[in-house]
Each structure stands twice: as structure tokens, then as C-alpha cells.
PDB file of all heavy atoms in Angstrom:
ATOM      1  N   GLY A   1       0.804  -1.213   0.000  1.00  0.00           N
ATOM      2  CA  GLY A   1       0.000   0.000   0.000  1.00  0.00           C
ATOM      3  C   GLY A   1       0.839   1.265   0.000  1.00  0.00           C
ATOM      4  O   GLY A   1       0.294   2.375   0.063  1.00  0.00           O
ATOM      5  N   LEU A   2       2.140   1.110  -0.076  1.00  0.00           N
ATOM      6  CA  LEU A   2       3.043   2.261  -0.079  1.00  0.00           C
ATOM      7  C   LEU A   2       3.485   2.573  -1.513  1.00  0.00           C
ATOM      8  O   LEU A   2       3.554   1.678  -2.356  1.00  0.00           O
ATOM      9  CB  LEU A   2       4.282   1.964   0.780  1.00  0.00           C
ATOM     10  CG  LEU A   2       4.004   1.714   2.272  1.00  0.00           C
ATOM     11  CD1 LEU A   2       5.292   1.244   2.955  1.00  0.00           C
ATOM     12  CD2 LEU A   2       3.486   2.978   2.934  1.00  0.00           C
ATOM     13  N   PRO A   3       3.797   3.841  -1.793  1.00  0.00           N
ATOM     14  CA  PRO A   3       4.222   4.216  -3.156  1.00  0.00           C
ATOM     15  C   PRO A   3       5.674   3.817  -3.442  1.00  0.00           C
ATOM     16  O   PRO A   3       6.529   4.666  -3.717  1.00  0.00           O
ATOM     17  CB  PRO A   3       4.038   5.736  -3.164  1.00  0.00           C
ATOM     18  CG  PRO A   3       4.255   6.146  -1.746  1.00  0.00           C
ATOM     19  CD  PRO A   3       3.691   5.023  -0.901  1.00  0.00           C
ATOM     20  N   ILE A   4       5.940   2.524  -3.382  1.00  0.00           N
ATOM     21  CA  ILE A   4       7.279   2.007  -3.637  1.00  0.00           C
ATOM     22  C   ILE A   4       7.364   1.585  -5.097  1.00  0.00           C
ATOM     23  O   ILE A   4       6.527   0.816  -5.586  1.00  0.00           O
ATOM     24  CB  ILE A   4       7.595   0.804  -2.721  1.00  0.00           C
ATOM     25  CG1 ILE A   4       7.539   1.233  -1.246  1.00  0.00           C
ATOM     26  CG2 ILE A   4       8.965   0.225  -3.062  1.00  0.00           C
ATOM     27  CD1 ILE A   4       7.662   0.076  -0.272  1.00  0.00           C
ATOM     28  N   VAL A   5       8.357   2.087  -5.801  1.00  0.00           N
ATOM     29  CA  VAL A   5       8.551   1.755  -7.210  1.00  0.00           C
ATOM     30  C   VAL A   5       9.509   0.581  -7.309  1.00  0.00           C
ATOM     31  O   VAL A   5      10.627   0.625  -6.788  1.00  0.00           O
ATOM     32  CB  VAL A   5       9.115   2.957  -7.997  1.00  0.00           C
ATOM     33  CG1 VAL A   5       9.354   2.574  -9.454  1.00  0.00           C
ATOM     34  CG2 VAL A   5       8.168   4.148  -7.891  1.00  0.00           C
ATOM     35  N   SER A   6       9.063  -0.485  -7.966  1.00  0.00           N
ATOM     36  CA  SER A   6       9.894  -1.679  -8.114  1.00  0.00           C
ATOM     37  C   SER A   6      10.686  -1.600  -9.411  1.00  0.00           C
ATOM     38  O   SER A   6      10.195  -1.103 -10.429  1.00  0.00           O
ATOM     39  CB  SER A   6       9.022  -2.932  -8.107  1.00  0.00           C
ATOM     40  OG  SER A   6       9.820  -4.093  -8.155  1.00  0.00           O
ATOM     41  N   ALA A   7      11.920  -2.100  -9.389  1.00  0.00           N
ATOM     42  CA  ALA A   7      12.782  -2.081 -10.575  1.00  0.00           C
ATOM     43  C   ALA A   7      13.227  -3.497 -10.894  1.00  0.00           C
ATOM     44  O   ALA A   7      13.394  -4.333  -9.997  1.00  0.00           O
ATOM     45  CB  ALA A   7      13.989  -1.185 -10.342  1.00  0.00           C
ATOM     46  N   ASP A   8      13.473  -3.757 -12.176  1.00  0.00           N
ATOM     47  CA  ASP A   8      13.837  -5.103 -12.618  1.00  0.00           C
ATOM     48  C   ASP A   8      15.327  -5.390 -12.520  1.00  0.00           C
ATOM     49  O   ASP A   8      15.737  -6.510 -12.267  1.00  0.00           O
ATOM     50  CB  ASP A   8      13.373  -5.310 -14.068  1.00  0.00           C
ATOM     51  CG  ASP A   8      11.853  -5.250 -14.188  1.00  0.00           C
ATOM     52  OD1 ASP A   8      11.180  -5.714 -13.247  1.00  0.00           O
ATOM     53  OD2 ASP A   8      11.361  -4.729 -15.211  1.00  0.00           O
ATOM     54  N   ASP A   9      16.140  -4.360 -12.791  1.00  0.00           N
ATOM     55  CA  ASP A   9      17.590  -4.542 -12.710  1.00  0.00           C
ATOM     56  C   ASP A   9      18.217  -3.227 -12.269  1.00  0.00           C
ATOM     57  O   ASP A   9      17.511  -2.222 -12.073  1.00  0.00           O
ATOM     58  CB  ASP A   9      18.170  -5.010 -14.054  1.00  0.00           C
ATOM     59  CG  ASP A   9      17.794  -4.091 -15.214  1.00  0.00           C
ATOM     60  OD1 ASP A   9      17.904  -2.854 -15.054  1.00  0.00           O
ATOM     61  OD2 ASP A   9      17.390  -4.611 -16.280  1.00  0.00           O
ATOM     62  N   LEU A  10      19.533  -3.214 -12.151  1.00  0.00           N
ATOM     63  CA  LEU A  10      20.206  -2.038 -11.608  1.00  0.00           C
ATOM     64  C   LEU A  10      20.060  -0.823 -12.515  1.00  0.00           C
ATOM     65  O   LEU A  10      19.821   0.295 -12.045  1.00  0.00           O
ATOM     66  CB  LEU A  10      21.690  -2.356 -11.369  1.00  0.00           C
ATOM     67  CG  LEU A  10      22.543  -1.254 -10.723  1.00  0.00           C
ATOM     68  CD1 LEU A  10      21.877  -0.694  -9.484  1.00  0.00           C
ATOM     69  CD2 LEU A  10      23.930  -1.812 -10.380  1.00  0.00           C
ATOM     70  N   GLY A  11      20.199  -1.034 -13.819  1.00  0.00           N
ATOM     71  CA  GLY A  11      20.036   0.073 -14.755  1.00  0.00           C
ATOM     72  C   GLY A  11      18.648   0.659 -14.696  1.00  0.00           C
ATOM     73  O   GLY A  11      18.458   1.891 -14.685  1.00  0.00           O
ATOM     74  N   ASP A  12      17.655  -0.215 -14.638  1.00  0.00           N
ATOM     75  CA  ASP A  12      16.263   0.213 -14.532  1.00  0.00           C
ATOM     76  C   ASP A  12      16.033   0.988 -13.237  1.00  0.00           C
ATOM     77  O   ASP A  12      15.349   2.015 -13.222  1.00  0.00           O
ATOM     78  CB  ASP A  12      15.355  -1.020 -14.592  1.00  0.00           C
ATOM     79  CG  ASP A  12      13.875  -0.683 -14.558  1.00  0.00           C
ATOM     80  OD1 ASP A  12      13.476   0.255 -15.279  1.00  0.00           O
ATOM     81  OD2 ASP A  12      13.131  -1.358 -13.819  1.00  0.00           O
ATOM     82  N   ALA A  13      16.644   0.512 -12.148  1.00  0.00           N
ATOM     83  CA  ALA A  13      16.482   1.162 -10.844  1.00  0.00           C
ATOM     84  C   ALA A  13      17.055   2.577 -10.859  1.00  0.00           C
ATOM     85  O   ALA A  13      16.429   3.520 -10.363  1.00  0.00           O
ATOM     86  CB  ALA A  13      17.168   0.329  -9.762  1.00  0.00           C
ATOM     87  N   ALA A  14      18.239   2.729 -11.439  1.00  0.00           N
ATOM     88  CA  ALA A  14      18.873   4.045 -11.478  1.00  0.00           C
ATOM     89  C   ALA A  14      18.055   5.019 -12.318  1.00  0.00           C
ATOM     90  O   ALA A  14      17.842   6.177 -11.925  1.00  0.00           O
ATOM     91  CB  ALA A  14      20.288   3.922 -12.029  1.00  0.00           C
ATOM     92  N   ARG A  15      17.576   4.564 -13.479  1.00  0.00           N
ATOM     93  CA  ARG A  15      16.776   5.436 -14.337  1.00  0.00           C
ATOM     94  C   ARG A  15      15.489   5.862 -13.622  1.00  0.00           C
ATOM     95  O   ARG A  15      15.068   7.029 -13.697  1.00  0.00           O
ATOM     96  CB  ARG A  15      16.436   4.724 -15.652  1.00  0.00           C
ATOM     97  CG  ARG A  15      17.630   4.581 -16.595  1.00  0.00           C
ATOM     98  CD  ARG A  15      17.205   4.059 -17.956  1.00  0.00           C
ATOM     99  NE  ARG A  15      16.724   2.661 -17.886  1.00  0.00           N
ATOM    100  CZ  ARG A  15      17.506   1.606 -17.990  1.00  0.00           C
ATOM    101  NH1 ARG A  15      18.823   1.756 -18.153  1.00  0.00           N
ATOM    102  NH2 ARG A  15      17.001   0.383 -17.941  1.00  0.00           N
ATOM    103  N   LYS A  16      14.870   4.914 -12.909  1.00  0.00           N
ATOM    104  CA  LYS A  16      13.600   5.204 -12.247  1.00  0.00           C
ATOM    105  C   LYS A  16      13.765   6.188 -11.088  1.00  0.00           C
ATOM    106  O   LYS A  16      12.950   7.098 -10.925  1.00  0.00           O
ATOM    107  CB  LYS A  16      12.946   3.906 -11.772  1.00  0.00           C
ATOM    108  CG  LYS A  16      12.290   3.124 -12.902  1.00  0.00           C
ATOM    109  CD  LYS A  16      11.635   1.853 -12.400  1.00  0.00           C
ATOM    110  CE  LYS A  16      10.874   1.150 -13.550  1.00  0.00           C
ATOM    111  NZ  LYS A  16      10.293  -0.149 -13.126  1.00  0.00           N
ATOM    112  N   ILE A  17      14.815   6.026 -10.254  1.00  0.00           N
ATOM    113  CA  ILE A  17      14.959   6.937  -9.118  1.00  0.00           C
ATOM    114  C   ILE A  17      15.296   8.343  -9.588  1.00  0.00           C
ATOM    115  O   ILE A  17      14.804   9.338  -9.042  1.00  0.00           O
ATOM    116  CB  ILE A  17      16.006   6.423  -8.091  1.00  0.00           C
ATOM    117  CG1 ILE A  17      15.963   7.288  -6.825  1.00  0.00           C
ATOM    118  CG2 ILE A  17      17.399   6.414  -8.664  1.00  0.00           C
ATOM    119  CD1 ILE A  17      14.644   7.306  -6.097  1.00  0.00           C
ATOM    120  N   VAL A  18      16.112   8.463 -10.639  1.00  0.00           N
ATOM    121  CA  VAL A  18      16.427   9.786 -11.178  1.00  0.00           C
ATOM    122  C   VAL A  18      15.166  10.438 -11.736  1.00  0.00           C
ATOM    123  O   VAL A  18      14.904  11.631 -11.496  1.00  0.00           O
ATOM    124  CB  VAL A  18      17.525   9.689 -12.263  1.00  0.00           C
ATOM    125  CG1 VAL A  18      17.709  11.033 -12.959  1.00  0.00           C
ATOM    126  CG2 VAL A  18      18.847   9.239 -11.650  1.00  0.00           C
ATOM    127  N   ALA A  19      14.347   9.657 -12.442  1.00  0.00           N
ATOM    128  CA  ALA A  19      13.102  10.184 -12.995  1.00  0.00           C
ATOM    129  C   ALA A  19      12.129  10.578 -11.896  1.00  0.00           C
ATOM    130  O   ALA A  19      11.461  11.626 -11.967  1.00  0.00           O
ATOM    131  CB  ALA A  19      12.474   9.133 -13.907  1.00  0.00           C
ATOM    132  N   GLU A  20      12.028   9.758 -10.832  1.00  0.00           N
ATOM    133  CA  GLU A  20      11.111  10.032  -9.735  1.00  0.00           C
ATOM    134  C   GLU A  20      11.498  11.326  -9.009  1.00  0.00           C
ATOM    135  O   GLU A  20      10.639  12.128  -8.614  1.00  0.00           O
ATOM    136  CB  GLU A  20      11.084   8.872  -8.753  1.00  0.00           C
ATOM    137  CG  GLU A  20      10.400   7.622  -9.257  1.00  0.00           C
ATOM    138  CD  GLU A  20       8.897   7.788  -9.413  1.00  0.00           C
ATOM    139  OE1 GLU A  20       8.295   8.494  -8.590  1.00  0.00           O
ATOM    140  OE2 GLU A  20       8.322   7.225 -10.368  1.00  0.00           O
ATOM    141  N   VAL A  21      12.809  11.521  -8.806  1.00  0.00           N
ATOM    142  CA  VAL A  21      13.279  12.737  -8.126  1.00  0.00           C
ATOM    143  C   VAL A  21      12.983  13.972  -8.964  1.00  0.00           C
ATOM    144  O   VAL A  21      12.541  15.001  -8.457  1.00  0.00           O
ATOM    145  CB  VAL A  21      14.790  12.622  -7.809  1.00  0.00           C
ATOM    146  CG1 VAL A  21      15.356  13.971  -7.393  1.00  0.00           C
ATOM    147  CG2 VAL A  21      15.021  11.594  -6.710  1.00  0.00           C
ATOM    148  N   LYS A  22      13.202  13.874 -10.268  1.00  0.00           N
ATOM    149  CA  LYS A  22      12.908  15.006 -11.159  1.00  0.00           C
ATOM    150  C   LYS A  22      11.407  15.309 -11.170  1.00  0.00           C
ATOM    151  O   LYS A  22      10.985  16.470 -11.174  1.00  0.00           O
ATOM    152  CB  LYS A  22      13.389  14.690 -12.569  1.00  0.00           C
ATOM    153  CG  LYS A  22      14.904  14.710 -12.741  1.00  0.00           C
ATOM    154  CD  LYS A  22      15.320  14.408 -14.174  1.00  0.00           C
ATOM    155  CE  LYS A  22      16.834  14.475 -14.341  1.00  0.00           C
ATOM    156  NZ  LYS A  22      17.263  14.137 -15.720  1.00  0.00           N
ATOM    157  N   LYS A  23      10.597  14.234 -11.123  1.00  0.00           N
ATOM    158  CA  LYS A  23       9.152  14.411 -11.116  1.00  0.00           C
ATOM    159  C   LYS A  23       8.696  15.096  -9.823  1.00  0.00           C
ATOM    160  O   LYS A  23       7.832  15.994  -9.837  1.00  0.00           O
ATOM    161  CB  LYS A  23       8.478  13.040 -11.230  1.00  0.00           C
ATOM    162  CG  LYS A  23       6.965  13.102 -11.438  1.00  0.00           C
ATOM    163  CD  LYS A  23       6.331  11.734 -11.251  1.00  0.00           C
ATOM    164  CE  LYS A  23       6.954  10.678 -12.177  1.00  0.00           C
ATOM    165  NZ  LYS A  23       6.294   9.350 -11.976  1.00  0.00           N
ATOM    166  N   ALA A  24       9.305  14.705  -8.697  1.00  0.00           N
ATOM    167  CA  ALA A  24       8.935  15.277  -7.401  1.00  0.00           C
ATOM    168  C   ALA A  24       9.347  16.739  -7.296  1.00  0.00           C
ATOM    169  O   ALA A  24       8.702  17.536  -6.615  1.00  0.00           O
ATOM    170  CB  ALA A  24       9.582  14.466  -6.278  1.00  0.00           C
ATOM    171  N   ALA A  25      10.449  17.088  -7.989  1.00  0.00           N
ATOM    172  CA  ALA A  25      10.917  18.470  -7.936  1.00  0.00           C
ATOM    173  C   ALA A  25       9.974  19.394  -8.682  1.00  0.00           C
ATOM    174  O   ALA A  25       9.906  20.570  -8.425  1.00  0.00           O
ATOM    175  CB  ALA A  25      12.321  18.558  -8.520  1.00  0.00           C
TER     176      ALA A  25
END
């Protein structure tokens, strides 16, 4: 029930966290 974003691999994880931070800004 938490807004946790799941990633498939390390590259995917890095791209997603950078995108999420930019979106939050």
C-alpha cells in the first residue's frame, strides 16, 4: 500500500529513481 517503485535490474532502478526525483521536484 506504499508508493514504492519496483525495478527489474540495476540500470532500470537508477533510471527510475532519477526520474522520480525530477518528477517530485
